[in-house]
Amino acid sequence: MGVADAYDPAVPVDVRTEIQINRARADVAEFASDPDNAPRWYENIESVEWKTSRPLAVGARIAFVARFLGRRLAYTYEITTLVPGERLVMSTQEGPFPMETSYDWADAPESGTHMTLRNHGEPSGFGKVSAPIMARAMRRANRKDLNRLKHILESSPGR
């Protein structure tokens, strides 16, 4: 199964991308939910800094520096939902684009893991005008990132 995605025009930016990864759900969730691994599988993330102590928990805050559409972005996500092995939701209210990112993991029908990555939010100011461009760019980036995650996890037995 390849990467699939959806766009909801009712929300200025609502991008959902899905992929099947041929690894156990616990392995996929553990790797993907660890912020320290983000620069390995997110092409645009340059650095990660914990603002609260480990381990990952609801209320934890993690600062990210990324490059997106030619711009440097610095933002801090707060973990709002964490169900180990099933769901992670984090949100930021910073900058011109407050956003929520969620990961969902489920056992795939045949084997492996079905992962969904969703980004949604409502940009303000200039970001509102460029929302359709941002959504298209996010869809492309999410597909690449999930394919990179799939490659990393499927090509290394123990990570």
Protein backbone atom coordinates (compact mmCIF):
# COMPACT_ATOMS: atom_id res chain seq x y z
CA MET A 1 0.00 0.00 0.00
CA GLY A 2 1.37 3.41 -0.93
CA VAL A 3 0.86 6.77 0.71
CA ALA A 4 -2.66 8.20 0.53
CA ASP A 5 -3.82 11.66 1.56
CA ALA A 6 -6.92 13.81 1.89
CA TYR A 7 -7.68 17.54 2.01
CA ASP A 8 -10.65 19.15 3.76
CA PRO A 9 -11.48 22.52 2.13
CA ALA A 10 -13.71 23.49 5.09
CA VAL A 11 -10.56 24.07 7.18
CA PRO A 12 -7.91 26.24 5.53
CA VAL A 13 -5.23 23.60 6.11
CA ASP A 14 -6.23 20.03 6.93
CA VAL A 15 -3.90 17.44 5.47
CA ARG A 16 -4.15 13.75 6.33
CA THR A 17 -1.59 11.30 4.95
CA GLU A 18 -1.58 7.55 5.48
CA ILE A 19 0.86 4.72 4.88
CA GLN A 20 1.32 1.04 5.66
CA ILE A 21 4.64 0.14 7.26
CA ASN A 22 5.71 -3.48 7.46
CA ARG A 23 6.74 -3.38 11.11
CA ALA A 24 4.88 -4.08 14.32
CA ARG A 25 2.70 -1.23 15.53
CA ALA A 26 4.67 -0.95 18.79
CA ASP A 27 7.91 -0.43 16.83
CA VAL A 28 6.43 2.17 14.48
CA ALA A 29 4.72 4.09 17.29
CA GLU A 30 7.79 4.03 19.53
CA PHE A 31 10.07 5.36 16.80
CA ALA A 32 7.69 7.94 15.30
CA SER A 33 6.53 9.33 18.65
CA ASP A 34 10.06 9.96 19.90
CA PRO A 35 10.77 13.64 19.15
CA ASP A 36 14.52 12.93 19.07
CA ASN A 37 13.92 10.80 15.94
CA ALA A 38 12.04 13.56 14.08
CA PRO A 39 15.10 14.92 12.20
CA ARG A 40 15.79 11.37 10.92
CA TRP A 41 12.46 10.99 9.15
CA TYR A 42 11.16 14.55 8.70
CA GLU A 43 13.16 16.09 5.88
CA ASN A 44 12.37 19.68 6.96
CA ILE A 45 13.10 19.37 10.70
CA GLU A 46 16.59 20.59 11.52
CA SER A 47 16.63 20.33 15.31
CA VAL A 48 14.66 19.32 18.37
CA GLU A 49 15.01 20.60 21.94
CA TRP A 50 13.08 19.31 24.93
CA LYS A 51 11.62 22.19 26.97
CA THR A 52 10.36 19.84 29.67
CA SER A 53 11.93 16.71 31.05
CA ARG A 54 11.61 13.31 29.41
CA PRO A 55 9.77 10.99 28.97
CA LEU A 56 7.10 12.02 26.50
CA ALA A 57 3.84 12.71 28.36
CA VAL A 58 0.78 14.92 28.12
CA GLY A 59 1.98 18.46 28.84
CA ALA A 60 5.52 17.86 27.55
CA ARG A 61 6.86 20.71 25.41
CA ILE A 62 9.33 20.22 22.58
CA ALA A 63 10.85 22.99 20.44
CA PHE A 64 11.47 22.34 16.76
CA VAL A 65 13.39 24.27 14.13
CA ALA A 66 12.37 23.50 10.56
CA ARG A 67 12.64 24.82 7.02
CA PHE A 68 9.41 24.97 5.06
CA LEU A 69 8.70 26.78 1.79
CA GLY A 70 12.11 28.41 2.04
CA ARG A 71 11.51 29.86 5.49
CA ARG A 72 13.01 29.00 8.87
CA LEU A 73 10.31 28.11 11.36
CA ALA A 74 10.80 27.81 15.12
CA TYR A 75 7.87 26.55 17.16
CA THR A 76 7.14 24.61 20.33
CA TYR A 77 4.65 21.78 20.36
CA GLU A 78 2.82 20.71 23.50
CA ILE A 79 1.66 17.11 23.80
CA THR A 80 -2.11 17.16 24.31
CA THR A 81 -2.96 13.46 23.85
CA LEU A 82 -0.78 10.39 24.27
CA VAL A 83 -2.09 6.84 24.05
CA PRO A 84 1.09 4.76 23.66
CA GLY A 85 1.03 2.64 20.53
CA GLU A 86 -2.24 4.21 19.32
CA ARG A 87 -2.32 8.02 19.17
CA LEU A 88 -0.20 11.12 19.70
CA VAL A 89 -1.52 14.67 19.35
CA MET A 90 0.58 17.81 19.72
CA SER A 91 -0.26 21.43 19.09
CA THR A 92 1.33 24.85 18.86
CA GLN A 93 -0.25 28.26 19.07
CA GLU A 94 2.96 30.06 18.05
CA GLY A 95 3.69 32.03 14.91
CA PRO A 96 1.47 32.81 11.96
CA PHE A 97 0.25 29.23 11.70
CA PRO A 98 -1.16 27.64 14.87
CA MET A 99 -1.37 23.94 14.11
CA GLU A 100 -2.20 20.53 15.51
CA THR A 101 -0.31 17.44 14.38
CA SER A 102 -1.53 13.95 15.15
CA TYR A 103 -0.21 10.45 14.59
CA ASP A 104 -2.49 7.42 14.70
CA TRP A 105 -1.33 3.82 14.52
CA ALA A 106 -3.42 0.71 13.90
CA ASP A 107 -2.66 -2.86 12.99
CA ALA A 108 -2.78 -3.22 9.20
CA PRO A 109 -5.23 -5.81 7.79
CA GLU A 110 -2.58 -8.20 6.45
CA SER A 111 0.34 -7.33 8.72
CA GLY A 112 2.36 -4.38 9.83
CA THR A 113 1.05 -0.96 10.80
CA HIS A 114 -1.29 1.56 9.25
CA MET A 115 -0.08 5.06 10.21
CA THR A 116 -1.97 8.31 9.73
CA LEU A 117 -0.24 11.69 9.97
CA ARG A 118 -2.58 14.69 10.12
CA ASN A 119 -1.75 18.41 10.21
CA HIS A 120 -4.51 20.93 10.57
CA GLY A 121 -4.84 24.53 11.57
CA GLU A 122 -5.96 27.94 10.52
CA PRO A 123 -3.24 30.32 9.40
CA SER A 124 -3.65 34.03 10.07
CA GLY A 125 -2.52 37.11 8.16
CA PHE A 126 -0.56 36.38 4.99
CA GLY A 127 -0.63 32.68 5.86
CA LYS A 128 -4.40 32.67 5.35
CA VAL A 129 -3.98 33.78 1.72
CA SER A 130 -1.34 31.14 1.08
CA ALA A 131 -3.22 28.30 2.83
CA PRO A 132 -3.91 26.32 -0.39
CA ILE A 133 -0.22 26.52 -1.35
CA MET A 134 0.78 25.48 2.17
CA ALA A 135 -1.63 22.55 2.10
CA ARG A 136 -0.21 21.26 -1.20
CA ALA A 137 3.35 21.65 0.08
CA MET A 138 2.43 19.85 3.31
CA ARG A 139 0.88 16.97 1.40
CA ARG A 140 4.07 16.55 -0.65
CA ALA A 141 6.28 16.83 2.44
CA ASN A 142 4.12 14.42 4.47
CA ARG A 143 4.21 11.80 1.71
CA LYS A 144 8.01 12.07 1.52
CA ASP A 145 8.37 11.95 5.29
CA LEU A 146 6.15 8.91 5.72
CA ASN A 147 7.97 7.13 2.89
CA ARG A 148 11.26 7.96 4.61
CA LEU A 149 9.90 6.61 7.92
CA LYS A 150 8.76 3.44 6.15
CA HIS A 151 12.20 2.98 4.60
CA ILE A 152 14.00 3.50 7.92
CA LEU A 153 11.79 1.08 9.82
CA GLU A 154 11.56 -1.61 7.16
CA SER A 155 15.28 -1.62 6.37
CA SER A 156 16.54 -1.98 9.93
CA PRO A 157 15.48 -4.99 12.01
CA GLY A 158 16.13 -3.43 15.38
CA ARG A 159 16.16 0.18 14.23
